[in-house]
Amino acid sequence: MTDPIRLLIADDHPIVRDGIRGMFAGDPGFDVLGEAGDGARAVELARALNPDVILMDLRMPVMDGVAAIKELARLGIGARVLVLTTYDTDRDVLPAIEAGATGYLLKDTRREDLVAAVRTAARGESVLSPSVATRLVGQVRTPADPLSARELEVLELIAQGTTNREVAARLFISEATVKSHLLHIYAKLGVNDRAAAVAAAFRRGLIG
């Protein structure tokens, strides 16, 4: 039997924290370690409790979600951060992804989709709500824009089944930079995920 995924919930609304906790209560696959009402407290608890995944709101007092994600990265805390918020504007989405968030979901996400997303994030794989993925692709798309040499390197490694962390290590770049490259690859190829990007690249002869 595998160990449960260790969760930390960060949201400034107690009723939201209660609701999220309730979604995972009773599921032996998860262990909710604690709750934080602001980003600073989330960082403090992450250091003390070593969660696998942090469900992070963005707009919180003391320290917002993006600042907390940056601080977690600065401290070398390995927890995956899955943003869970009501906001999907460009000024919210891109900074969170660039700061190092593993995924970005909206609070209207169904329970089964949230549970699946947490499992995906725990594996180190990116997960985006459909509206967020569409927004990101729409923002960075450049028609007929070819992939750069570095983007091709990233795509070739992804095609070999490597994780973002492994790609970062192989290319001596940060995981956040890998995610940024992936977003640009998705935009240029007109796809929304890794598998579709690899398939499109094979069809176009970009990778062999």
C-alpha atoms as a PDB file:
ATOM      1  CA  MET A   1       0.000   0.000   0.000  1.00  0.00           C
ATOM      2  CA  THR A   2       1.407   3.381  -0.980  1.00  0.00           C
ATOM      3  CA  ASP A   3       1.718   6.199   1.512  1.00  0.00           C
ATOM      4  CA  PRO A   4      -1.046   8.833   1.454  1.00  0.00           C
ATOM      5  CA  ILE A   5      -0.408  12.112  -0.306  1.00  0.00           C
ATOM      6  CA  ARG A   6       0.347  14.724   2.348  1.00  0.00           C
ATOM      7  CA  LEU A   7      -1.654  17.926   1.815  1.00  0.00           C
ATOM      8  CA  LEU A   8      -1.453  21.481   3.098  1.00  0.00           C
ATOM      9  CA  ILE A   9      -4.362  23.869   2.479  1.00  0.00           C
ATOM     10  CA  ALA A  10      -3.699  27.612   2.160  1.00  0.00           C
ATOM     11  CA  ASP A  11      -6.723  29.900   1.859  1.00  0.00           C
ATOM     12  CA  ASP A  12      -7.781  32.974   3.800  1.00  0.00           C
ATOM     13  CA  HIS A  13     -11.425  31.880   4.070  1.00  0.00           C
ATOM     14  CA  PRO A  14     -12.069  29.337   6.859  1.00  0.00           C
ATOM     15  CA  ILE A  15     -15.221  28.046   5.169  1.00  0.00           C
ATOM     16  CA  VAL A  16     -13.245  27.316   1.998  1.00  0.00           C
ATOM     17  CA  ARG A  17     -10.561  25.502   3.977  1.00  0.00           C
ATOM     18  CA  ASP A  18     -13.254  23.452   5.694  1.00  0.00           C
ATOM     19  CA  GLY A  19     -14.788  22.587   2.350  1.00  0.00           C
ATOM     20  CA  ILE A  20     -11.491  21.501   0.833  1.00  0.00           C
ATOM     21  CA  ARG A  21     -10.595  19.464   3.915  1.00  0.00           C
ATOM     22  CA  GLY A  22     -13.998  17.792   3.692  1.00  0.00           C
ATOM     23  CA  MET A  23     -13.323  16.762   0.086  1.00  0.00           C
ATOM     24  CA  PHE A  24     -10.355  14.686   1.201  1.00  0.00           C
ATOM     25  CA  ALA A  25     -11.639  13.558   4.603  1.00  0.00           C
ATOM     26  CA  GLY A  26     -12.070   9.819   4.887  1.00  0.00           C
ATOM     27  CA  ASP A  27     -10.002   9.091   1.768  1.00  0.00           C
ATOM     28  CA  PRO A  28      -7.065   6.920   2.846  1.00  0.00           C
ATOM     29  CA  GLY A  29      -5.090   8.172  -0.145  1.00  0.00           C
ATOM     30  CA  PHE A  30      -4.707  11.610   1.416  1.00  0.00           C
ATOM     31  CA  ASP A  31      -3.564  13.103   4.693  1.00  0.00           C
ATOM     32  CA  VAL A  32      -4.401  16.769   5.343  1.00  0.00           C
ATOM     33  CA  LEU A  33      -1.535  17.943   7.524  1.00  0.00           C
ATOM     34  CA  GLY A  34      -2.699  21.475   8.240  1.00  0.00           C
ATOM     35  CA  GLU A  35      -4.259  24.737   7.119  1.00  0.00           C
ATOM     36  CA  ALA A  36      -2.929  28.246   6.598  1.00  0.00           C
ATOM     37  CA  GLY A  37      -4.840  31.518   6.332  1.00  0.00           C
ATOM     38  CA  ASP A  38      -2.094  33.419   4.498  1.00  0.00           C
ATOM     39  CA  GLY A  39       0.964  32.795   2.373  1.00  0.00           C
ATOM     40  CA  ALA A  40       3.491  33.416   5.137  1.00  0.00           C
ATOM     41  CA  ARG A  41       1.834  30.828   7.362  1.00  0.00           C
ATOM     42  CA  ALA A  42       1.717  28.419   4.411  1.00  0.00           C
ATOM     43  CA  VAL A  43       5.483  28.718   3.988  1.00  0.00           C
ATOM     44  CA  GLU A  44       6.003  28.254   7.734  1.00  0.00           C
ATOM     45  CA  LEU A  45       3.854  25.112   7.816  1.00  0.00           C
ATOM     46  CA  ALA A  46       5.437  23.749   4.644  1.00  0.00           C
ATOM     47  CA  ARG A  47       8.848  23.958   6.301  1.00  0.00           C
ATOM     48  CA  ALA A  48       7.580  22.240   9.429  1.00  0.00           C
ATOM     49  CA  LEU A  49       5.281  19.582   7.952  1.00  0.00           C
ATOM     50  CA  ASN A  50       6.914  18.699   4.610  1.00  0.00           C
ATOM     51  CA  PRO A  51       3.720  18.225   2.557  1.00  0.00           C
ATOM     52  CA  ASP A  52       3.710  16.616  -0.881  1.00  0.00           C
ATOM     53  CA  VAL A  53       1.180  19.077  -2.323  1.00  0.00           C
ATOM     54  CA  ILE A  54       0.045  22.546  -1.244  1.00  0.00           C
ATOM     55  CA  LEU A  55      -3.371  23.742  -2.364  1.00  0.00           C
ATOM     56  CA  MET A  56      -2.684  27.470  -2.622  1.00  0.00           C
ATOM     57  CA  ASP A  57      -5.082  30.379  -2.998  1.00  0.00           C
ATOM     58  CA  LEU A  58      -3.626  33.474  -4.657  1.00  0.00           C
ATOM     59  CA  ARG A  59      -5.159  36.524  -3.021  1.00  0.00           C
ATOM     60  CA  MET A  60      -4.397  36.283   0.687  1.00  0.00           C
ATOM     61  CA  PRO A  61      -3.262  38.750   3.367  1.00  0.00           C
ATOM     62  CA  VAL A  62       0.292  39.108   4.737  1.00  0.00           C
ATOM     63  CA  MET A  63       1.805  37.235   1.783  1.00  0.00           C
ATOM     64  CA  ASP A  64      -0.103  36.410  -1.399  1.00  0.00           C
ATOM     65  CA  GLY A  65       0.036  33.073  -3.174  1.00  0.00           C
ATOM     66  CA  VAL A  66       2.569  34.040  -5.839  1.00  0.00           C
ATOM     67  CA  ALA A  67       4.960  35.454  -3.232  1.00  0.00           C
ATOM     68  CA  ALA A  68       4.538  32.287  -1.185  1.00  0.00           C
ATOM     69  CA  ILE A  69       5.323  30.096  -4.207  1.00  0.00           C
ATOM     70  CA  LYS A  70       8.487  32.109  -4.843  1.00  0.00           C
ATOM     71  CA  GLU A  71       9.504  31.829  -1.197  1.00  0.00           C
ATOM     72  CA  LEU A  72       8.964  28.069  -1.208  1.00  0.00           C
ATOM     73  CA  ALA A  73      11.221  27.795  -4.261  1.00  0.00           C
ATOM     74  CA  ARG A  74      13.851  30.046  -2.669  1.00  0.00           C
ATOM     75  CA  LEU A  75      13.913  27.861   0.415  1.00  0.00           C
ATOM     76  CA  GLY A  76      14.208  24.704  -1.650  1.00  0.00           C
ATOM     77  CA  ILE A  77      10.972  23.228  -0.344  1.00  0.00           C
ATOM     78  CA  GLY A  78      10.019  20.412  -2.682  1.00  0.00           C
ATOM     79  CA  ALA A  79       6.249  20.479  -2.210  1.00  0.00           C
ATOM     80  CA  ARG A  80       4.228  20.775  -5.408  1.00  0.00           C
ATOM     81  CA  VAL A  81       1.977  23.820  -5.431  1.00  0.00           C
ATOM     82  CA  LEU A  82      -1.464  23.475  -6.968  1.00  0.00           C
ATOM     83  CA  VAL A  83      -3.126  26.874  -7.219  1.00  0.00           C
ATOM     84  CA  LEU A  84      -6.830  26.763  -6.373  1.00  0.00           C
ATOM     85  CA  THR A  85      -8.470  30.136  -6.866  1.00  0.00           C
ATOM     86  CA  THR A  86     -11.482  31.943  -8.291  1.00  0.00           C
ATOM     87  CA  TYR A  87      -9.338  34.088 -10.600  1.00  0.00           C
ATOM     88  CA  ASP A  88      -8.248  33.153 -14.114  1.00  0.00           C
ATOM     89  CA  THR A  89      -7.126  36.528 -15.454  1.00  0.00           C
ATOM     90  CA  ASP A  90      -3.782  36.906 -17.231  1.00  0.00           C
ATOM     91  CA  ARG A  91      -2.344  38.884 -14.331  1.00  0.00           C
ATOM     92  CA  ASP A  92      -3.134  36.009 -11.971  1.00  0.00           C
ATOM     93  CA  VAL A  93      -2.326  32.950 -14.083  1.00  0.00           C
ATOM     94  CA  LEU A  94       1.036  33.776 -15.648  1.00  0.00           C
ATOM     95  CA  PRO A  95       2.820  35.014 -12.494  1.00  0.00           C
ATOM     96  CA  ALA A  96       1.730  31.883 -10.623  1.00  0.00           C
ATOM     97  CA  ILE A  97       2.989  29.535 -13.338  1.00  0.00           C
ATOM     98  CA  GLU A  98       6.213  31.486 -13.754  1.00  0.00           C
ATOM     99  CA  ALA A  99       6.770  31.444  -9.978  1.00  0.00           C
ATOM    100  CA  GLY A 100       6.773  27.652 -10.090  1.00  0.00           C
ATOM    101  CA  ALA A 101       3.195  26.427  -9.548  1.00  0.00           C
ATOM    102  CA  THR A 102       2.747  22.852 -10.738  1.00  0.00           C
ATOM    103  CA  GLY A 103      -0.897  23.419 -11.599  1.00  0.00           C
ATOM    104  CA  TYR A 104      -3.699  25.973 -11.683  1.00  0.00           C
ATOM    105  CA  LEU A 105      -7.349  25.143 -11.009  1.00  0.00           C
ATOM    106  CA  LEU A 106     -10.451  27.179 -10.344  1.00  0.00           C
ATOM    107  CA  LYS A 107     -12.622  26.747  -7.275  1.00  0.00           C
ATOM    108  CA  ASP A 108     -15.568  25.556  -9.333  1.00  0.00           C
ATOM    109  CA  THR A 109     -13.578  22.385 -10.116  1.00  0.00           C
ATOM    110  CA  ARG A 110     -15.528  19.204  -9.307  1.00  0.00           C
ATOM    111  CA  ARG A 111     -14.347  17.108  -6.377  1.00  0.00           C
ATOM    112  CA  GLU A 112     -13.289  14.162  -8.530  1.00  0.00           C
ATOM    113  CA  ASP A 113     -11.314  16.467 -10.810  1.00  0.00           C
ATOM    114  CA  LEU A 114      -9.604  18.139  -7.849  1.00  0.00           C
ATOM    115  CA  VAL A 115      -8.655  14.782  -6.348  1.00  0.00           C
ATOM    116  CA  ALA A 116      -7.255  13.639  -9.696  1.00  0.00           C
ATOM    117  CA  ALA A 117      -5.363  16.930 -10.066  1.00  0.00           C
ATOM    118  CA  VAL A 118      -3.748  16.541  -6.641  1.00  0.00           C
ATOM    119  CA  ARG A 119      -2.582  13.053  -7.585  1.00  0.00           C
ATOM    120  CA  THR A 120      -1.199  14.417 -10.864  1.00  0.00           C
ATOM    121  CA  ALA A 121       0.571  17.275  -9.101  1.00  0.00           C
ATOM    122  CA  ALA A 122       2.060  14.870  -6.530  1.00  0.00           C
ATOM    123  CA  ARG A 123       3.696  13.045  -9.451  1.00  0.00           C
ATOM    124  CA  GLY A 124       5.268  16.324 -10.526  1.00  0.00           C
ATOM    125  CA  GLU A 125       3.095  16.686 -13.603  1.00  0.00           C
ATOM    126  CA  SER A 126       1.447  19.939 -14.615  1.00  0.00           C
ATOM    127  CA  VAL A 127      -2.330  20.266 -14.513  1.00  0.00           C
ATOM    128  CA  LEU A 128      -4.390  23.213 -15.744  1.00  0.00           C
ATOM    129  CA  SER A 129      -8.118  23.812 -15.781  1.00  0.00           C
ATOM    130  CA  PRO A 130      -9.420  23.976 -19.385  1.00  0.00           C
ATOM    131  CA  SER A 131     -10.189  27.693 -19.216  1.00  0.00           C
ATOM    132  CA  VAL A 132      -6.727  28.475 -17.873  1.00  0.00           C
ATOM    133  CA  ALA A 133      -5.022  26.335 -20.512  1.00  0.00           C
ATOM    134  CA  THR A 134      -7.015  28.093 -23.227  1.00  0.00           C
ATOM    135  CA  ARG A 135      -6.135  31.498 -21.813  1.00  0.00           C
ATOM    136  CA  LEU A 136      -2.426  30.683 -21.665  1.00  0.00           C
ATOM    137  CA  VAL A 137      -2.372  29.262 -25.160  1.00  0.00           C
ATOM    138  CA  GLY A 138      -4.250  32.256 -26.504  1.00  0.00           C
ATOM    139  CA  GLN A 139      -1.888  34.691 -24.852  1.00  0.00           C
ATOM    140  CA  VAL A 140       1.402  33.252 -26.021  1.00  0.00           C
ATOM    141  CA  ARG A 141       0.393  31.888 -29.428  1.00  0.00           C
ATOM    142  CA  THR A 142       2.268  33.291 -32.399  1.00  0.00           C
ATOM    143  CA  PRO A 143       0.891  31.960 -35.716  1.00  0.00           C
ATOM    144  CA  ALA A 144       3.353  29.800 -37.662  1.00  0.00           C
ATOM    145  CA  ASP A 145       6.046  30.587 -35.116  1.00  0.00           C
ATOM    146  CA  PRO A 146       8.630  27.761 -35.232  1.00  0.00           C
ATOM    147  CA  LEU A 147       9.910  26.077 -32.101  1.00  0.00           C
ATOM    148  CA  SER A 148      13.238  27.381 -30.846  1.00  0.00           C
ATOM    149  CA  ALA A 149      16.227  25.071 -30.458  1.00  0.00           C
ATOM    150  CA  ARG A 150      15.722  24.989 -26.679  1.00  0.00           C
ATOM    151  CA  GLU A 151      12.000  24.271 -27.059  1.00  0.00           C
ATOM    152  CA  LEU A 152      12.860  21.336 -29.325  1.00  0.00           C
ATOM    153  CA  GLU A 153      15.310  20.064 -26.711  1.00  0.00           C
ATOM    154  CA  VAL A 154      12.589  20.236 -24.061  1.00  0.00           C
ATOM    155  CA  LEU A 155      10.075  18.528 -26.342  1.00  0.00           C
ATOM    156  CA  GLU A 156      12.468  15.718 -27.219  1.00  0.00           C
ATOM    157  CA  LEU A 157      13.078  15.016 -23.542  1.00  0.00           C
ATOM    158  CA  ILE A 158       9.352  15.137 -22.803  1.00  0.00           C
ATOM    159  CA  ALA A 159       8.816  12.608 -25.598  1.00  0.00           C
ATOM    160  CA  GLN A 160      11.204  10.283 -23.757  1.00  0.00           C
ATOM    161  CA  GLY A 161       8.907  10.382 -20.718  1.00  0.00           C
ATOM    162  CA  THR A 162      11.015  12.635 -18.517  1.00  0.00           C
ATOM    163  CA  THR A 163       9.431  14.781 -15.824  1.00  0.00           C
ATOM    164  CA  ASN A 164       9.780  18.555 -15.630  1.00  0.00           C
ATOM    165  CA  ARG A 165      12.329  18.147 -12.845  1.00  0.00           C
ATOM    166  CA  GLU A 166      14.387  15.718 -14.934  1.00  0.00           C
ATOM    167  CA  VAL A 167      14.259  18.025 -17.940  1.00  0.00           C
ATOM    168  CA  ALA A 168      15.425  20.903 -15.755  1.00  0.00           C
ATOM    169  CA  ALA A 169      18.346  18.850 -14.456  1.00  0.00           C
ATOM    170  CA  ARG A 170      19.369  17.660 -17.915  1.00  0.00           C
ATOM    171  CA  LEU A 171      19.292  21.148 -19.415  1.00  0.00           C
ATOM    172  CA  PHE A 172      20.590  22.983 -16.315  1.00  0.00           C
ATOM    173  CA  ILE A 173      17.530  25.229 -16.084  1.00  0.00           C
ATOM    174  CA  SER A 174      14.825  25.692 -13.449  1.00  0.00           C
ATOM    175  CA  GLU A 175      11.532  23.795 -13.396  1.00  0.00           C
ATOM    176  CA  ALA A 176       9.748  27.125 -13.809  1.00  0.00           C
ATOM    177  CA  THR A 177      11.701  27.715 -17.032  1.00  0.00           C
ATOM    178  CA  VAL A 178      10.740  24.243 -18.255  1.00  0.00           C
ATOM    179  CA  LYS A 179       7.082  25.054 -17.615  1.00  0.00           C
ATOM    180  CA  SER A 180       7.455  28.332 -19.491  1.00  0.00           C
ATOM    181  CA  HIS A 181       8.984  26.503 -22.454  1.00  0.00           C
ATOM    182  CA  LEU A 182       6.140  23.976 -22.370  1.00  0.00           C
ATOM    183  CA  LEU A 183       3.517  26.723 -22.439  1.00  0.00           C
ATOM    184  CA  HIS A 184       5.152  28.237 -25.502  1.00  0.00           C
ATOM    185  CA  ILE A 185       5.383  24.805 -27.129  1.00  0.00           C
ATOM    186  CA  TYR A 186       1.681  24.194 -26.460  1.00  0.00           C
ATOM    187  CA  ALA A 187       0.819  27.572 -27.939  1.00  0.00           C
ATOM    188  CA  LYS A 188       2.898  27.089 -31.080  1.00  0.00           C
ATOM    189  CA  LEU A 189       1.573  23.586 -31.684  1.00  0.00           C
ATOM    190  CA  GLY A 190      -2.017  24.473 -30.798  1.00  0.00           C
ATOM    191  CA  VAL A 191      -2.336  21.870 -28.021  1.00  0.00           C
ATOM    192  CA  ASN A 192      -3.094  21.884 -24.300  1.00  0.00           C
ATOM    193  CA  ASP A 193      -0.967  19.109 -22.785  1.00  0.00           C
ATOM    194  CA  ARG A 194       2.261  17.139 -23.009  1.00  0.00           C
ATOM    195  CA  ALA A 195       0.887  14.083 -24.785  1.00  0.00           C
ATOM    196  CA  ALA A 196      -0.776  16.176 -27.482  1.00  0.00           C
ATOM    197  CA  ALA A 197       2.406  18.209 -27.929  1.00  0.00           C
ATOM    198  CA  VAL A 198       4.486  15.086 -28.480  1.00  0.00           C
ATOM    199  CA  ALA A 199       1.925  13.664 -30.902  1.00  0.00           C
ATOM    200  CA  ALA A 200       1.778  16.925 -32.865  1.00  0.00           C
ATOM    201  CA  ALA A 201       5.571  17.126 -32.993  1.00  0.00           C
ATOM    202  CA  PHE A 202       5.810  13.599 -34.384  1.00  0.00           C
ATOM    203  CA  ARG A 203       3.172  14.352 -37.020  1.00  0.00           C
ATOM    204  CA  ARG A 204       5.057  17.451 -38.114  1.00  0.00           C
ATOM    205  CA  GLY A 205       8.406  15.684 -38.137  1.00  0.00           C
ATOM    206  CA  LEU A 206       9.845  17.955 -35.462  1.00  0.00           C
ATOM    207  CA  ILE A 207      11.063  14.995 -33.441  1.00  0.00           C
ATOM    208  CA  GLY A 208      11.785  11.436 -34.492  1.00  0.00           C
END
